[in-house]
C-alpha atoms as a PDB file:
ATOM      1  CA  MET A   1      22.381  49.093 -44.188  1.00  0.00           C
ATOM      2  CA  THR A   2      25.605  49.570 -41.874  1.00  0.00           C
ATOM      3  CA  PRO A   3      25.021  51.605 -39.228  1.00  0.00           C
ATOM      4  CA  LEU A   4      29.108  52.321 -39.155  1.00  0.00           C
ATOM      5  CA  VAL A   5      31.761  53.201 -41.979  1.00  0.00           C
ATOM      6  CA  LEU A   6      35.312  53.857 -41.314  1.00  0.00           C
ATOM      7  CA  LEU A   7      37.037  55.832 -44.383  1.00  0.00           C
ATOM      8  CA  ARG A   8      40.567  56.643 -44.432  1.00  0.00           C
ATOM      9  CA  HIS A   9      41.302  59.965 -45.865  1.00  0.00           C
ATOM     10  CA  GLY A  10      42.249  60.338 -49.536  1.00  0.00           C
ATOM     11  CA  GLU A  11      45.953  60.476 -50.524  1.00  0.00           C
ATOM     12  CA  SER A  12      47.915  63.285 -48.899  1.00  0.00           C
ATOM     13  CA  THR A  13      51.045  64.825 -49.917  1.00  0.00           C
ATOM     14  CA  ALA A  14      52.792  62.867 -47.339  1.00  0.00           C
ATOM     15  CA  ASN A  15      51.332  59.498 -48.867  1.00  0.00           C
ATOM     16  CA  ALA A  16      52.463  60.888 -52.209  1.00  0.00           C
ATOM     17  CA  GLY A  17      55.706  61.850 -51.069  1.00  0.00           C
ATOM     18  CA  ASP A  18      56.386  58.781 -48.961  1.00  0.00           C
ATOM     19  CA  LEU A  19      56.848  60.563 -45.755  1.00  0.00           C
ATOM     20  CA  PHE A  20      55.817  59.905 -42.129  1.00  0.00           C
ATOM     21  CA  ALA A  21      53.120  62.499 -41.596  1.00  0.00           C
ATOM     22  CA  GLY A  22      51.644  61.520 -38.074  1.00  0.00           C
ATOM     23  CA  HIS A  23      50.416  64.669 -36.506  1.00  0.00           C
ATOM     24  CA  LEU A  24      51.828  67.045 -39.135  1.00  0.00           C
ATOM     25  CA  ASN A  25      48.786  68.705 -41.034  1.00  0.00           C
ATOM     26  CA  VAL A  26      49.305  68.106 -44.625  1.00  0.00           C
ATOM     27  CA  PRO A  27      46.818  68.595 -47.288  1.00  0.00           C
ATOM     28  CA  LEU A  28      45.069  66.123 -49.934  1.00  0.00           C
ATOM     29  CA  THR A  29      46.754  66.033 -53.232  1.00  0.00           C
ATOM     30  CA  PRO A  30      44.427  66.348 -56.203  1.00  0.00           C
ATOM     31  CA  ALA A  31      44.463  62.506 -56.416  1.00  0.00           C
ATOM     32  CA  GLY A  32      42.972  62.504 -52.914  1.00  0.00           C
ATOM     33  CA  VAL A  33      40.306  64.898 -53.693  1.00  0.00           C
ATOM     34  CA  LEU A  34      39.095  62.611 -56.889  1.00  0.00           C
ATOM     35  CA  GLU A  35      39.353  59.532 -53.963  1.00  0.00           C
ATOM     36  CA  ALA A  36      37.002  61.263 -51.648  1.00  0.00           C
ATOM     37  CA  ARG A  37      34.624  61.884 -54.265  1.00  0.00           C
ATOM     38  CA  ALA A  38      34.885  58.211 -55.609  1.00  0.00           C
ATOM     39  CA  ALA A  39      34.256  57.008 -51.920  1.00  0.00           C
ATOM     40  CA  ALA A  40      31.114  59.267 -51.830  1.00  0.00           C
ATOM     41  CA  GLU A  41      29.783  57.933 -54.768  1.00  0.00           C
ATOM     42  CA  GLY A  42      30.627  54.176 -53.362  1.00  0.00           C
ATOM     43  CA  LEU A  43      28.579  55.140 -50.459  1.00  0.00           C
ATOM     44  CA  ALA A  44      25.660  56.414 -52.496  1.00  0.00           C
ATOM     45  CA  GLY A  45      22.257  55.612 -51.107  1.00  0.00           C
ATOM     46  CA  TRP A  46      23.787  55.376 -47.459  1.00  0.00           C
ATOM     47  CA  VAL A  47      23.138  58.478 -45.288  1.00  0.00           C
ATOM     48  CA  PRO A  48      24.967  58.834 -42.177  1.00  0.00           C
ATOM     49  CA  ASP A  49      23.216  60.776 -39.267  1.00  0.00           C
ATOM     50  CA  ILE A  50      26.577  61.871 -37.802  1.00  0.00           C
ATOM     51  CA  VAL A  51      30.155  62.432 -39.432  1.00  0.00           C
ATOM     52  CA  HIS A  52      32.979  61.970 -37.099  1.00  0.00           C
ATOM     53  CA  CYS A  53      36.563  63.039 -38.179  1.00  0.00           C
ATOM     54  CA  SER A  54      39.861  63.755 -37.177  1.00  0.00           C
ATOM     55  CA  PRO A  55      40.603  67.627 -37.176  1.00  0.00           C
ATOM     56  CA  LEU A  56      43.595  67.276 -39.387  1.00  0.00           C
ATOM     57  CA  ALA A  57      43.192  68.877 -42.705  1.00  0.00           C
ATOM     58  CA  ARG A  58      43.669  65.523 -44.890  1.00  0.00           C
ATOM     59  CA  ALA A  59      40.730  63.773 -43.011  1.00  0.00           C
ATOM     60  CA  ALA A  60      38.902  66.983 -42.467  1.00  0.00           C
ATOM     61  CA  ASP A  61      38.642  67.551 -46.062  1.00  0.00           C
ATOM     62  CA  THR A  62      37.735  64.230 -47.053  1.00  0.00           C
ATOM     63  CA  ALA A  63      35.099  64.195 -44.327  1.00  0.00           C
ATOM     64  CA  ALA A  64      33.688  67.514 -46.060  1.00  0.00           C
ATOM     65  CA  ILE A  65      33.726  66.204 -49.558  1.00  0.00           C
ATOM     66  CA  VAL A  66      31.807  62.970 -48.565  1.00  0.00           C
ATOM     67  CA  ARG A  67      29.447  64.425 -46.340  1.00  0.00           C
ATOM     68  CA  SER A  68      28.423  67.253 -48.880  1.00  0.00           C
ATOM     69  CA  ARG A  69      27.660  64.460 -51.334  1.00  0.00           C
ATOM     70  CA  LEU A  70      25.891  62.094 -48.978  1.00  0.00           C
ATOM     71  CA  ALA A  71      24.513  63.938 -46.138  1.00  0.00           C
ATOM     72  CA  PRO A  72      25.032  67.770 -46.068  1.00  0.00           C
ATOM     73  CA  THR A  73      23.065  68.156 -42.909  1.00  0.00           C
ATOM     74  CA  ALA A  74      24.513  65.322 -41.042  1.00  0.00           C
ATOM     75  CA  VAL A  75      26.228  66.719 -37.855  1.00  0.00           C
ATOM     76  CA  ALA A  76      29.803  67.047 -38.152  1.00  0.00           C
ATOM     77  CA  GLU A  77      31.986  66.516 -35.562  1.00  0.00           C
ATOM     78  CA  TYR A  78      35.816  66.785 -34.899  1.00  0.00           C
ATOM     79  CA  HIS A  79      37.546  64.287 -32.503  1.00  0.00           C
ATOM     80  CA  PRO A  80      40.956  64.776 -31.412  1.00  0.00           C
ATOM     81  CA  ALA A  81      41.278  61.219 -30.396  1.00  0.00           C
ATOM     82  CA  LEU A  82      41.078  60.337 -33.999  1.00  0.00           C
ATOM     83  CA  VAL A  83      44.371  61.989 -35.005  1.00  0.00           C
ATOM     84  CA  GLU A  84      46.938  59.903 -36.422  1.00  0.00           C
ATOM     85  CA  ARG A  85      49.393  58.269 -34.249  1.00  0.00           C
ATOM     86  CA  HIS A  86      52.270  60.532 -33.164  1.00  0.00           C
ATOM     87  CA  TYR A  87      55.354  59.285 -34.933  1.00  0.00           C
ATOM     88  CA  GLY A  88      57.761  61.253 -33.023  1.00  0.00           C
ATOM     89  CA  ALA A  89      61.320  61.761 -34.692  1.00  0.00           C
ATOM     90  CA  LEU A  90      60.106  59.875 -37.929  1.00  0.00           C
ATOM     91  CA  GLN A  91      57.550  62.865 -38.604  1.00  0.00           C
ATOM     92  CA  GLY A  92      58.073  64.399 -41.694  1.00  0.00           C
ATOM     93  CA  LEU A  93      61.122  62.198 -42.729  1.00  0.00           C
ATOM     94  CA  LEU A  94      61.025  60.208 -46.132  1.00  0.00           C
ATOM     95  CA  ARG A  95      60.516  56.593 -45.239  1.00  0.00           C
ATOM     96  CA  ALA A  96      63.997  55.566 -46.737  1.00  0.00           C
ATOM     97  CA  ASP A  97      65.747  58.381 -44.591  1.00  0.00           C
ATOM     98  CA  ALA A  98      63.896  57.276 -41.638  1.00  0.00           C
ATOM     99  CA  ARG A  99      65.566  53.715 -42.468  1.00  0.00           C
ATOM    100  CA  ALA A 100      68.755  55.141 -43.126  1.00  0.00           C
ATOM    101  CA  ARG A 101      68.931  57.316 -40.061  1.00  0.00           C
ATOM    102  CA  PHE A 102      67.629  54.715 -37.275  1.00  0.00           C
ATOM    103  CA  GLY A 103      67.751  51.461 -39.398  1.00  0.00           C
ATOM    104  CA  ALA A 104      65.313  49.256 -41.102  1.00  0.00           C
ATOM    105  CA  GLU A 105      64.909  46.964 -38.392  1.00  0.00           C
ATOM    106  CA  ALA A 106      64.080  49.527 -35.875  1.00  0.00           C
ATOM    107  CA  VAL A 107      61.695  51.313 -38.184  1.00  0.00           C
ATOM    108  CA  ALA A 108      59.829  48.326 -39.071  1.00  0.00           C
ATOM    109  CA  CYS A 109      59.548  47.478 -35.265  1.00  0.00           C
ATOM    110  CA  TRP A 110      58.117  51.155 -34.429  1.00  0.00           C
ATOM    111  CA  ARG A 111      55.715  50.875 -37.533  1.00  0.00           C
ATOM    112  CA  ARG A 112      53.757  47.652 -37.210  1.00  0.00           C
ATOM    113  CA  SER A 113      54.806  45.982 -33.662  1.00  0.00           C
ATOM    114  CA  PRO A 114      52.073  46.981 -30.773  1.00  0.00           C
ATOM    115  CA  ALA A 115      54.560  48.140 -28.438  1.00  0.00           C
ATOM    116  CA  GLY A 116      57.226  49.723 -30.677  1.00  0.00           C
ATOM    117  CA  VAL A 117      57.688  53.395 -30.097  1.00  0.00           C
ATOM    118  CA  PRO A 118      59.348  55.918 -32.452  1.00  0.00           C
ATOM    119  CA  PRO A 119      61.734  58.260 -30.374  1.00  0.00           C
ATOM    120  CA  GLY A 120      59.392  61.061 -28.766  1.00  0.00           C
ATOM    121  CA  GLY A 121      56.301  59.490 -30.565  1.00  0.00           C
ATOM    122  CA  GLU A 122      53.493  56.746 -29.679  1.00  0.00           C
ATOM    123  CA  SER A 123      53.197  52.981 -30.021  1.00  0.00           C
ATOM    124  CA  LEU A 124      50.000  51.285 -31.648  1.00  0.00           C
ATOM    125  CA  GLU A 125      49.126  50.084 -28.232  1.00  0.00           C
ATOM    126  CA  MET A 126      49.123  53.502 -26.842  1.00  0.00           C
ATOM    127  CA  LEU A 127      46.878  54.783 -29.936  1.00  0.00           C
ATOM    128  CA  HIS A 128      44.659  51.831 -29.130  1.00  0.00           C
ATOM    129  CA  ASP A 129      44.115  53.089 -25.722  1.00  0.00           C
ATOM    130  CA  ARG A 130      43.846  56.697 -26.598  1.00  0.00           C
ATOM    131  CA  LEU A 131      40.814  55.599 -28.698  1.00  0.00           C
ATOM    132  CA  ARG A 132      39.292  53.582 -25.920  1.00  0.00           C
ATOM    133  CA  PRO A 133      37.473  56.526 -24.367  1.00  0.00           C
ATOM    134  CA  TYR A 134      36.090  57.741 -27.898  1.00  0.00           C
ATOM    135  CA  TRP A 135      34.960  54.454 -28.539  1.00  0.00           C
ATOM    136  CA  LEU A 136      33.170  53.782 -25.388  1.00  0.00           C
ATOM    137  CA  ASP A 137      31.711  57.362 -24.589  1.00  0.00           C
ATOM    138  CA  GLU A 138      31.243  58.706 -27.962  1.00  0.00           C
ATOM    139  CA  LEU A 139      30.696  56.126 -30.823  1.00  0.00           C
ATOM    140  CA  LEU A 140      29.487  53.137 -29.025  1.00  0.00           C
ATOM    141  CA  PRO A 141      26.488  55.052 -27.567  1.00  0.00           C
ATOM    142  CA  LEU A 142      25.334  56.333 -31.087  1.00  0.00           C
ATOM    143  CA  LEU A 143      25.516  52.919 -32.536  1.00  0.00           C
ATOM    144  CA  GLU A 144      23.389  51.676 -29.588  1.00  0.00           C
ATOM    145  CA  THR A 145      20.687  54.076 -30.471  1.00  0.00           C
ATOM    146  CA  GLY A 146      20.716  53.367 -34.181  1.00  0.00           C
ATOM    147  CA  ARG A 147      22.320  56.241 -35.309  1.00  0.00           C
ATOM    148  CA  SER A 148      24.536  55.644 -38.488  1.00  0.00           C
ATOM    149  CA  VAL A 149      27.949  57.211 -38.096  1.00  0.00           C
ATOM    150  CA  LEU A 150      30.818  57.908 -40.681  1.00  0.00           C
ATOM    151  CA  VAL A 151      34.363  58.046 -39.252  1.00  0.00           C
ATOM    152  CA  VAL A 152      36.784  59.615 -41.239  1.00  0.00           C
ATOM    153  CA  ALA A 153      40.438  59.440 -39.902  1.00  0.00           C
ATOM    154  CA  HIS A 154      43.886  57.802 -40.595  1.00  0.00           C
ATOM    155  CA  GLY A 155      45.335  54.498 -41.444  1.00  0.00           C
ATOM    156  CA  ASN A 156      46.778  53.657 -37.876  1.00  0.00           C
ATOM    157  CA  SER A 157      43.830  55.362 -35.730  1.00  0.00           C
ATOM    158  CA  LEU A 158      41.295  53.503 -38.036  1.00  0.00           C
ATOM    159  CA  ARG A 159      43.255  50.172 -37.515  1.00  0.00           C
ATOM    160  CA  MET A 160      43.121  50.675 -33.518  1.00  0.00           C
ATOM    161  CA  LEU A 161      39.451  51.874 -33.528  1.00  0.00           C
ATOM    162  CA  LEU A 162      38.641  48.772 -35.792  1.00  0.00           C
ATOM    163  CA  ALA A 163      40.258  46.676 -33.060  1.00  0.00           C
ATOM    164  CA  HIS A 164      37.567  48.177 -30.416  1.00  0.00           C
ATOM    165  CA  VAL A 165      34.884  48.157 -32.918  1.00  0.00           C
ATOM    166  CA  SER A 166      35.346  44.540 -33.989  1.00  0.00           C
ATOM    167  CA  GLY A 167      36.706  43.052 -30.867  1.00  0.00           C
ATOM    168  CA  LEU A 168      40.132  42.283 -32.432  1.00  0.00           C
ATOM    169  CA  ASP A 169      43.567  42.237 -30.556  1.00  0.00           C
ATOM    170  CA  VAL A 170      46.049  44.815 -31.399  1.00  0.00           C
ATOM    171  CA  ALA A 171      48.313  42.840 -33.252  1.00  0.00           C
ATOM    172  CA  ASP A 172      45.323  41.485 -35.460  1.00  0.00           C
ATOM    173  CA  ALA A 173      44.340  44.891 -36.158  1.00  0.00           C
ATOM    174  CA  ILE A 174      47.770  46.108 -37.231  1.00  0.00           C
ATOM    175  CA  GLY A 175      47.522  44.000 -40.105  1.00  0.00           C
ATOM    176  CA  ALA A 176      44.195  45.234 -41.462  1.00  0.00           C
ATOM    177  CA  GLU A 177      44.287  46.745 -44.824  1.00  0.00           C
ATOM    178  CA  VAL A 178      43.063  50.363 -44.744  1.00  0.00           C
ATOM    179  CA  PRO A 179      43.514  51.866 -48.052  1.00  0.00           C
ATOM    180  CA  THR A 180      43.234  55.535 -48.666  1.00  0.00           C
ATOM    181  CA  ALA A 181      39.324  56.786 -49.402  1.00  0.00           C
ATOM    182  CA  VAL A 182      38.066  53.060 -49.598  1.00  0.00           C
ATOM    183  CA  PRO A 183      34.876  52.733 -47.219  1.00  0.00           C
ATOM    184  CA  LEU A 184      35.265  49.939 -44.704  1.00  0.00           C
ATOM    185  CA  ARG A 185      31.864  48.477 -43.054  1.00  0.00           C
ATOM    186  CA  PRO A 186      33.406  46.426 -39.974  1.00  0.00           C
ATOM    187  CA  GLU A 187      31.412  43.799 -38.281  1.00  0.00           C
ATOM    188  CA  ILE A 188      30.565  45.310 -35.048  1.00  0.00           C
ATOM    189  CA  ARG A 189      30.812  43.479 -31.667  1.00  0.00           C
ATOM    190  CA  LEU A 190      29.245  45.429 -28.775  1.00  0.00           C
ATOM    191  CA  PRO A 191      31.264  44.888 -25.481  1.00  0.00           C
ATOM    192  CA  ALA A 192      29.551  43.596 -22.403  1.00  0.00           C
ATOM    193  CA  ARG A 193      28.456  46.387 -20.120  1.00  0.00           C
END
């Protein structure tokens, strides 16, 4: 069995409304709750020792649902490093409104270019750097000692964590598919120490 499962939260109200959520604390939709339950069913038989999650409600609620069904006694820890990318001036905007206000080309660059920084926000490279200490100091030591870990977070934070876990370049990790509430079992590449 895999020692690590990465799980994006279930559908949130921002996902359903096509909004940039970023650091906004939006809840799961009823469909998102069902997705979280289905994720737990898909992981049946796998028991994590520890559950790490973003403190934002959409991730924390997903983690609570999955944990209650898989491993109610597993340790649950919130890690601020797992919070979604900060979208700055885009947060709370409809994607269409953001394109109208800032231009489709600029928004596309900010969303999927490693160094693209939305006004007042965070680039994917910055997010990657923010996750480095979590990977090296929190997650990696657990994996090295044989612990199994479920990480519940957000699309972009999981993409950048995947870069660390699997040894991918940031540009390659950006293209990784991270659908809501679909468990990912990444290939783990331990860094040289």
